[in-house]
């Protein structure tokens, strides 16, 4: 069952594969397909987006920005997909990162094997302590750089 809300503009998810478009608070009664099926998320792609976003985020900090807002697009997209993946795996809300900054400050520094989300990634070979951000230095790890470039594939 789907409930409708009034929005000023944008989309409202009606089903897993379609969205209802709104204009000036009034629905345009045409249903358009969404660009992806959120139930078929690719965890390798999520990690790659997060890693790319983390690199850009810390690159902007290194360049002198105190708070690199707006956040890098790959980081936002990766975080959004991570949030959906957590919901699909029934990860408790209290264990999910609440936003991009919390992801960077907590999950990014956690070993991937300790994430509340069970990653379904066969392409990569992770060590028990592999994380995206060095906890003591707050800068991207070599793994993060490799994932951003699509490397670290198991042969």
N, C-alpha and C. Protein backbone atom coordinates (compact mmCIF):
# COMPACT_ATOMS: atom_id res chain seq x y z
N UNK A 1 0.84 -1.17 0.00
CA UNK A 1 0.00 0.00 0.00
C UNK A 1 0.89 1.23 0.00
N UNK A 2 0.51 2.22 -0.76
CA UNK A 2 1.30 3.43 -0.88
C UNK A 2 0.48 4.63 -0.46
N UNK A 3 1.08 5.50 0.35
CA UNK A 3 0.40 6.73 0.73
C UNK A 3 1.02 7.87 -0.05
N UNK A 4 0.22 8.83 -0.45
CA UNK A 4 0.70 9.97 -1.22
C UNK A 4 0.88 11.18 -0.32
N UNK A 5 1.90 11.95 -0.56
CA UNK A 5 2.15 13.19 0.16
C UNK A 5 2.22 14.32 -0.84
N UNK A 6 1.87 15.52 -0.41
CA UNK A 6 1.98 16.69 -1.29
C UNK A 6 3.39 17.22 -1.20
N UNK A 7 4.04 17.38 -2.33
CA UNK A 7 5.38 17.91 -2.42
C UNK A 7 5.36 19.12 -3.33
N UNK A 8 6.30 20.04 -3.14
CA UNK A 8 6.37 21.20 -4.02
C UNK A 8 6.85 20.82 -5.42
N UNK A 9 7.85 19.95 -5.49
CA UNK A 9 8.31 19.45 -6.78
C UNK A 9 9.13 18.21 -6.52
N UNK A 10 9.39 17.43 -7.56
CA UNK A 10 10.22 16.24 -7.40
C UNK A 10 9.43 14.99 -7.66
N UNK A 11 9.87 13.90 -7.05
CA UNK A 11 9.20 12.62 -7.26
C UNK A 11 8.79 12.02 -5.94
N UNK A 12 7.85 11.14 -6.02
CA UNK A 12 7.39 10.38 -4.86
C UNK A 12 7.35 8.93 -5.28
N UNK A 13 7.97 8.06 -4.52
CA UNK A 13 8.03 6.66 -4.91
C UNK A 13 6.66 6.01 -4.69
N UNK A 14 6.15 5.42 -5.75
CA UNK A 14 4.86 4.75 -5.69
C UNK A 14 5.06 3.26 -5.50
N UNK A 15 5.96 2.67 -6.29
CA UNK A 15 6.30 1.27 -6.14
C UNK A 15 7.81 1.17 -6.22
N UNK A 16 8.34 -0.03 -6.20
CA UNK A 16 9.79 -0.20 -6.28
C UNK A 16 10.33 0.19 -7.65
N UNK A 17 9.51 0.20 -8.67
CA UNK A 17 10.03 0.45 -10.00
C UNK A 17 9.43 1.66 -10.71
N UNK A 18 8.54 2.38 -10.07
CA UNK A 18 7.92 3.53 -10.71
C UNK A 18 7.86 4.72 -9.76
N UNK A 19 7.79 5.89 -10.31
CA UNK A 19 7.68 7.10 -9.51
C UNK A 19 6.59 7.98 -10.09
N UNK A 20 5.95 8.75 -9.26
CA UNK A 20 4.92 9.69 -9.67
C UNK A 20 5.51 11.09 -9.60
N UNK A 21 5.48 11.81 -10.68
CA UNK A 21 6.09 13.14 -10.73
C UNK A 21 5.09 14.19 -10.27
N UNK A 22 5.60 15.21 -9.59
CA UNK A 22 4.78 16.31 -9.10
C UNK A 22 5.29 17.61 -9.69
N UNK A 23 4.37 18.55 -9.91
CA UNK A 23 4.72 19.88 -10.38
C UNK A 23 3.88 20.88 -9.61
N UNK A 24 4.56 21.78 -8.89
CA UNK A 24 3.88 22.82 -8.12
C UNK A 24 2.85 22.22 -7.15
N UNK A 25 3.17 21.10 -6.55
CA UNK A 25 2.29 20.51 -5.55
C UNK A 25 1.17 19.68 -6.12
N UNK A 26 1.01 19.66 -7.46
CA UNK A 26 -0.06 18.86 -8.08
C UNK A 26 0.56 17.69 -8.83
N UNK A 27 0.02 16.51 -8.66
CA UNK A 27 0.58 15.37 -9.39
C UNK A 27 0.35 15.50 -10.90
N UNK A 28 1.32 15.10 -11.67
CA UNK A 28 1.18 15.01 -13.12
C UNK A 28 0.85 13.55 -13.37
N UNK A 29 -0.27 13.14 -13.46
CA UNK A 29 -0.73 11.78 -13.36
C UNK A 29 -0.11 10.82 -14.37
N UNK A 30 1.18 10.92 -14.56
CA UNK A 30 1.86 9.91 -15.39
C UNK A 30 2.91 9.23 -14.53
N UNK A 31 3.01 7.96 -14.67
CA UNK A 31 3.98 7.20 -13.89
C UNK A 31 5.16 6.90 -14.79
N UNK A 32 6.37 7.26 -14.32
CA UNK A 32 7.59 7.07 -15.09
C UNK A 32 8.48 6.06 -14.37
N UNK A 33 9.16 5.20 -15.12
CA UNK A 33 10.04 4.22 -14.46
C UNK A 33 11.22 4.89 -13.78
N UNK A 34 11.61 4.33 -12.61
CA UNK A 34 12.79 4.81 -11.92
C UNK A 34 14.03 4.33 -12.67
N UNK A 35 15.17 4.96 -12.41
CA UNK A 35 16.38 4.64 -13.15
C UNK A 35 17.02 3.32 -12.71
N UNK A 36 16.68 2.81 -11.52
CA UNK A 36 17.24 1.55 -11.06
C UNK A 36 16.27 0.88 -10.10
N UNK A 37 16.46 -0.40 -9.93
CA UNK A 37 15.64 -1.15 -8.99
C UNK A 37 16.37 -1.19 -7.65
N UNK A 38 15.85 -0.52 -6.63
CA UNK A 38 16.56 -0.45 -5.36
C UNK A 38 16.72 -1.79 -4.66
N UNK A 39 15.99 -2.80 -5.07
CA UNK A 39 16.15 -4.11 -4.44
C UNK A 39 17.32 -4.89 -5.05
N UNK A 40 17.92 -4.37 -6.11
CA UNK A 40 19.04 -5.06 -6.77
C UNK A 40 20.28 -4.18 -6.74
N UNK A 41 20.67 -3.75 -5.56
CA UNK A 41 21.84 -2.90 -5.41
C UNK A 41 23.11 -3.72 -5.54
N UNK A 42 24.10 -3.13 -6.16
CA UNK A 42 25.40 -3.77 -6.35
C UNK A 42 26.34 -3.24 -5.27
N UNK A 43 26.72 -4.08 -4.33
CA UNK A 43 27.55 -3.63 -3.22
C UNK A 43 28.94 -3.19 -3.68
N UNK A 44 29.45 -3.77 -4.76
CA UNK A 44 30.73 -3.32 -5.31
C UNK A 44 30.62 -1.88 -5.78
N UNK A 45 29.50 -1.57 -6.44
CA UNK A 45 29.27 -0.20 -6.91
C UNK A 45 29.10 0.76 -5.74
N UNK A 46 28.40 0.34 -4.70
CA UNK A 46 28.23 1.18 -3.52
C UNK A 46 29.60 1.51 -2.93
N UNK A 47 30.45 0.50 -2.75
CA UNK A 47 31.79 0.73 -2.20
C UNK A 47 32.61 1.65 -3.09
N UNK A 48 32.50 1.47 -4.39
CA UNK A 48 33.24 2.31 -5.32
C UNK A 48 32.77 3.77 -5.23
N UNK A 49 31.46 3.97 -5.16
CA UNK A 49 30.92 5.34 -5.01
C UNK A 49 31.37 5.96 -3.69
N UNK A 50 31.26 5.19 -2.61
CA UNK A 50 31.67 5.72 -1.30
C UNK A 50 33.15 6.07 -1.31
N UNK A 51 33.98 5.18 -1.87
CA UNK A 51 35.43 5.42 -1.91
C UNK A 51 35.75 6.65 -2.75
N UNK A 52 35.12 6.79 -3.91
CA UNK A 52 35.35 7.96 -4.75
C UNK A 52 34.94 9.24 -4.02
N UNK A 53 33.80 9.17 -3.34
CA UNK A 53 33.32 10.33 -2.60
C UNK A 53 34.22 10.69 -1.43
N UNK A 54 34.72 9.67 -0.72
CA UNK A 54 35.64 9.91 0.40
C UNK A 54 36.92 10.57 -0.10
N UNK A 55 37.44 10.10 -1.23
CA UNK A 55 38.65 10.73 -1.80
C UNK A 55 38.42 12.20 -2.13
N UNK A 56 37.28 12.48 -2.77
CA UNK A 56 36.98 13.87 -3.12
C UNK A 56 36.75 14.71 -1.86
N UNK A 57 36.05 14.16 -0.88
CA UNK A 57 35.77 14.84 0.39
C UNK A 57 37.07 15.25 1.07
N UNK A 58 38.00 14.30 1.22
CA UNK A 58 39.26 14.62 1.89
C UNK A 58 40.18 15.47 1.01
N UNK A 59 40.05 15.35 -0.29
CA UNK A 59 40.80 16.23 -1.19
C UNK A 59 40.39 17.68 -1.00
N UNK A 60 39.11 17.92 -0.82
CA UNK A 60 38.62 19.28 -0.60
C UNK A 60 39.04 19.80 0.77
N UNK A 61 39.08 18.91 1.78
CA UNK A 61 39.56 19.32 3.11
C UNK A 61 41.04 19.69 3.02
N UNK A 62 41.81 18.87 2.31
CA UNK A 62 43.24 19.13 2.15
C UNK A 62 43.49 20.46 1.42
N UNK A 63 42.56 20.81 0.53
CA UNK A 63 42.67 22.07 -0.22
C UNK A 63 42.24 23.28 0.61
N UNK A 64 41.79 23.04 1.85
CA UNK A 64 41.49 24.16 2.73
C UNK A 64 40.04 24.32 3.14
N UNK A 65 39.13 23.51 2.60
CA UNK A 65 37.73 23.61 3.01
C UNK A 65 37.56 22.97 4.38
N UNK A 66 36.89 23.67 5.30
CA UNK A 66 36.65 23.09 6.63
C UNK A 66 35.52 22.08 6.60
N UNK A 67 34.46 22.41 5.88
CA UNK A 67 33.32 21.52 5.74
C UNK A 67 32.97 21.47 4.25
N UNK A 68 33.41 20.44 3.55
CA UNK A 68 33.18 20.38 2.11
C UNK A 68 31.72 20.14 1.74
N UNK A 69 30.93 21.19 1.92
CA UNK A 69 29.51 21.12 1.59
C UNK A 69 29.25 22.01 0.40
N UNK A 70 28.48 21.64 -0.59
CA UNK A 70 27.77 20.37 -0.66
C UNK A 70 28.73 19.21 -0.80
N UNK A 71 28.31 18.07 -0.27
CA UNK A 71 29.16 16.89 -0.29
C UNK A 71 29.34 16.38 -1.71
N UNK A 72 30.44 15.71 -1.97
CA UNK A 72 30.68 15.17 -3.31
C UNK A 72 29.54 14.24 -3.75
N UNK A 73 29.14 14.37 -5.01
CA UNK A 73 28.04 13.58 -5.54
C UNK A 73 28.23 12.07 -5.35
N UNK A 74 29.43 11.50 -5.63
CA UNK A 74 29.56 10.04 -5.42
C UNK A 74 29.35 9.64 -3.96
N UNK A 75 29.74 10.50 -3.03
CA UNK A 75 29.56 10.20 -1.62
C UNK A 75 28.07 10.21 -1.26
N UNK A 76 27.33 11.16 -1.78
CA UNK A 76 25.89 11.23 -1.53
C UNK A 76 25.19 10.02 -2.15
N UNK A 77 25.51 9.72 -3.40
CA UNK A 77 24.88 8.59 -4.07
C UNK A 77 25.23 7.27 -3.37
N UNK A 78 26.50 7.10 -3.00
CA UNK A 78 26.91 5.89 -2.29
C UNK A 78 26.22 5.77 -0.95
N UNK A 79 26.14 6.89 -0.22
CA UNK A 79 25.48 6.88 1.08
C UNK A 79 23.99 6.52 0.92
N UNK A 80 23.33 7.11 -0.06
CA UNK A 80 21.91 6.81 -0.27
C UNK A 80 21.70 5.33 -0.58
N UNK A 81 22.54 4.77 -1.42
CA UNK A 81 22.42 3.35 -1.75
C UNK A 81 22.77 2.48 -0.55
N UNK A 82 23.75 2.91 0.25
CA UNK A 82 24.10 2.19 1.47
C UNK A 82 22.90 2.17 2.42
N UNK A 83 22.22 3.29 2.54
CA UNK A 83 21.04 3.38 3.41
C UNK A 83 19.95 2.43 2.96
N UNK A 84 19.72 2.36 1.65
CA UNK A 84 18.71 1.44 1.12
C UNK A 84 19.13 0.00 1.38
N UNK A 85 20.41 -0.30 1.14
CA UNK A 85 20.91 -1.66 1.37
C UNK A 85 20.74 -2.06 2.84
N UNK A 86 21.01 -1.13 3.75
CA UNK A 86 20.83 -1.40 5.19
C UNK A 86 19.37 -1.71 5.49
N UNK A 87 18.47 -0.93 4.92
CA UNK A 87 17.04 -1.15 5.15
C UNK A 87 16.61 -2.51 4.59
N UNK A 88 17.12 -2.87 3.40
CA UNK A 88 16.76 -4.14 2.79
C UNK A 88 17.29 -5.33 3.58
N UNK A 89 18.41 -5.13 4.30
CA UNK A 89 18.96 -6.21 5.14
C UNK A 89 18.45 -6.12 6.58
N UNK A 90 17.48 -5.24 6.81
CA UNK A 90 16.87 -5.07 8.14
C UNK A 90 17.89 -4.70 9.21
N UNK A 91 18.88 -3.87 8.84
CA UNK A 91 19.82 -3.34 9.83
C UNK A 91 19.04 -2.34 10.69
N UNK A 92 19.13 -2.49 12.00
CA UNK A 92 18.41 -1.58 12.90
C UNK A 92 18.77 -0.14 12.61
N UNK A 93 17.78 0.75 12.68
CA UNK A 93 18.02 2.17 12.40
C UNK A 93 19.13 2.75 13.29
N UNK A 94 19.19 2.30 14.52
CA UNK A 94 20.20 2.84 15.45
C UNK A 94 21.62 2.45 15.03
N UNK A 95 21.75 1.42 14.21
CA UNK A 95 23.07 0.97 13.78
C UNK A 95 23.47 1.52 12.41
N UNK A 96 22.55 2.23 11.74
CA UNK A 96 22.83 2.80 10.42
C UNK A 96 23.42 4.19 10.58
N UNK A 97 24.31 4.61 9.67
CA UNK A 97 24.76 6.01 9.73
C UNK A 97 23.59 6.94 9.39
N UNK A 98 23.46 8.03 10.13
CA UNK A 98 22.32 8.93 9.96
C UNK A 98 22.51 9.92 8.82
N UNK A 99 23.76 10.13 8.42
CA UNK A 99 24.04 11.09 7.36
C UNK A 99 25.45 10.92 6.85
N UNK A 100 25.81 11.74 5.88
CA UNK A 100 27.13 11.64 5.25
C UNK A 100 28.25 11.87 6.26
N UNK A 101 28.11 12.89 7.10
CA UNK A 101 29.17 13.19 8.07
C UNK A 101 29.35 12.03 9.05
N UNK A 102 28.25 11.47 9.53
CA UNK A 102 28.35 10.33 10.45
C UNK A 102 28.99 9.14 9.74
N UNK A 103 28.67 8.94 8.45
CA UNK A 103 29.32 7.85 7.72
C UNK A 103 30.83 8.07 7.70
N UNK A 104 31.26 9.28 7.35
CA UNK A 104 32.69 9.58 7.27
C UNK A 104 33.36 9.41 8.63
N UNK A 105 32.71 9.88 9.69
CA UNK A 105 33.31 9.87 11.02
C UNK A 105 33.27 8.51 11.72
N UNK A 106 32.33 7.64 11.32
CA UNK A 106 32.22 6.35 12.00
C UNK A 106 32.45 5.18 11.05
N UNK A 107 31.50 4.93 10.15
CA UNK A 107 31.59 3.76 9.28
C UNK A 107 32.84 3.79 8.41
N UNK A 108 33.21 4.94 7.92
CA UNK A 108 34.39 5.04 7.06
C UNK A 108 35.66 4.59 7.76
N UNK A 109 35.70 4.73 9.07
CA UNK A 109 36.88 4.35 9.86
C UNK A 109 36.78 2.93 10.43
N UNK A 110 35.63 2.30 10.26
CA UNK A 110 35.45 0.92 10.73
C UNK A 110 35.96 -0.05 9.67
N UNK A 111 36.53 -1.18 10.11
CA UNK A 111 36.84 -2.22 9.13
C UNK A 111 35.55 -2.66 8.42
N UNK A 112 35.64 -2.90 7.11
CA UNK A 112 34.46 -3.28 6.34
C UNK A 112 33.78 -4.52 6.90
N UNK A 113 34.57 -5.41 7.51
CA UNK A 113 34.00 -6.63 8.09
C UNK A 113 33.20 -6.35 9.36
N UNK A 114 33.33 -5.15 9.93
CA UNK A 114 32.61 -4.79 11.16
C UNK A 114 31.36 -3.95 10.88
N UNK A 115 31.11 -3.61 9.61
CA UNK A 115 29.92 -2.85 9.28
C UNK A 115 28.68 -3.65 9.65
N UNK A 116 27.62 -2.98 10.08
CA UNK A 116 26.36 -3.65 10.41
C UNK A 116 25.73 -4.27 9.16
N UNK A 117 26.09 -3.75 8.00
CA UNK A 117 25.62 -4.28 6.72
C UNK A 117 26.52 -5.42 6.28
N UNK A 118 25.93 -6.54 5.91
CA UNK A 118 26.72 -7.65 5.39
C UNK A 118 26.95 -7.38 3.91
N UNK A 119 28.19 -7.05 3.57
CA UNK A 119 28.52 -6.75 2.18
C UNK A 119 28.54 -8.02 1.35
N UNK A 120 27.86 -7.96 0.24
CA UNK A 120 27.84 -9.08 -0.69
C UNK A 120 28.73 -8.70 -1.87
N UNK A 121 30.04 -8.84 -1.65
CA UNK A 121 31.03 -8.42 -2.63
C UNK A 121 32.01 -9.57 -2.86
N UNK A 122 31.83 -10.25 -3.96
CA UNK A 122 32.72 -11.37 -4.29
C UNK A 122 33.96 -10.90 -5.03
N UNK A 123 33.92 -9.68 -5.57
CA UNK A 123 35.01 -9.19 -6.42
C UNK A 123 36.25 -8.77 -5.64
N UNK A 124 36.11 -8.52 -4.36
CA UNK A 124 37.20 -7.95 -3.59
C UNK A 124 37.68 -8.92 -2.51
N UNK A 125 38.94 -8.80 -2.19
CA UNK A 125 39.54 -9.62 -1.14
C UNK A 125 39.90 -8.68 0.02
N UNK A 126 39.07 -8.65 1.07
CA UNK A 126 39.28 -7.73 2.17
C UNK A 126 39.98 -8.41 3.34
N UNK A 127 40.93 -7.71 3.92
CA UNK A 127 41.55 -8.16 5.17
C UNK A 127 40.63 -7.76 6.32
N UNK A 128 40.82 -8.37 7.47
CA UNK A 128 39.95 -8.12 8.61
C UNK A 128 39.97 -6.66 9.07
N UNK A 129 41.08 -5.95 8.82
CA UNK A 129 41.17 -4.56 9.30
C UNK A 129 41.05 -3.53 8.18
N UNK A 130 40.64 -3.93 6.97
CA UNK A 130 40.49 -3.00 5.85
C UNK A 130 39.36 -2.01 6.11
N UNK A 131 39.66 -0.73 5.99
CA UNK A 131 38.66 0.32 6.13
C UNK A 131 38.90 1.37 5.04
N UNK A 132 37.97 2.30 4.89
CA UNK A 132 38.10 3.33 3.86
C UNK A 132 38.94 4.53 4.34
N UNK A 133 38.89 4.80 5.64
CA UNK A 133 39.58 5.96 6.20
C UNK A 133 40.47 5.50 7.35
N UNK A 134 41.72 5.97 7.38
CA UNK A 134 42.63 5.63 8.47
C UNK A 134 42.11 6.27 9.75
N UNK A 135 41.75 5.46 10.76
CA UNK A 135 41.15 6.01 11.98
C UNK A 135 42.04 7.01 12.69
N UNK A 136 43.34 6.78 12.73
CA UNK A 136 44.22 7.67 13.49
C UNK A 136 44.61 8.92 12.71
N UNK A 137 44.58 8.89 11.39
CA UNK A 137 45.02 10.02 10.59
C UNK A 137 43.89 10.75 9.87
N UNK A 138 42.69 10.19 9.88
CA UNK A 138 41.55 10.75 9.16
C UNK A 138 41.91 11.12 7.72
N UNK A 139 42.45 10.14 7.01
CA UNK A 139 42.68 10.31 5.58
C UNK A 139 42.41 8.97 4.89
N UNK A 140 42.11 9.00 3.59
CA UNK A 140 41.76 7.76 2.88
C UNK A 140 42.89 6.73 2.90
N UNK A 141 42.50 5.47 2.98
CA UNK A 141 43.45 4.36 2.96
C UNK A 141 43.78 3.99 1.51
N UNK A 142 44.77 3.14 1.35
CA UNK A 142 45.09 2.65 0.00
C UNK A 142 43.92 1.84 -0.55
N UNK A 143 43.23 1.10 0.31
CA UNK A 143 42.04 0.36 -0.13
C UNK A 143 41.02 1.32 -0.72
N UNK A 144 40.79 2.45 -0.05
CA UNK A 144 39.84 3.44 -0.53
C UNK A 144 40.23 3.92 -1.93
N UNK A 145 41.51 4.19 -2.11
CA UNK A 145 42.00 4.64 -3.42
C UNK A 145 41.81 3.55 -4.47
N UNK A 146 42.09 2.31 -4.09
CA UNK A 146 41.93 1.18 -5.01
C UNK A 146 40.47 0.99 -5.40
N UNK A 147 39.56 1.04 -4.40
CA UNK A 147 38.14 0.86 -4.68
C UNK A 147 37.61 1.98 -5.57
N UNK A 148 38.10 3.19 -5.36
CA UNK A 148 37.66 4.32 -6.18
C UNK A 148 38.06 4.12 -7.64
N UNK A 149 39.16 3.43 -7.85
CA UNK A 149 39.63 3.18 -9.21
C UNK A 149 39.16 1.84 -9.75
N UNK A 150 38.36 1.10 -8.95
CA UNK A 150 37.86 -0.19 -9.39
C UNK A 150 38.89 -1.30 -9.30
N UNK A 151 39.92 -1.09 -8.50
CA UNK A 151 40.95 -2.11 -8.35
C UNK A 151 40.62 -3.01 -7.17
N UNK A 152 41.58 -3.82 -6.76
CA UNK A 152 41.43 -4.76 -5.65
C UNK A 152 40.61 -5.98 -6.05
N UNK A 153 40.56 -6.25 -7.32
CA UNK A 153 39.82 -7.43 -7.78
C UNK A 153 40.58 -8.69 -7.45
N UNK A 154 39.85 -9.70 -7.08
CA UNK A 154 40.47 -11.01 -6.81
C UNK A 154 40.66 -11.70 -8.14
N UNK A 155 41.84 -12.24 -8.37
CA UNK A 155 42.08 -12.93 -9.65
C UNK A 155 41.73 -14.40 -9.56
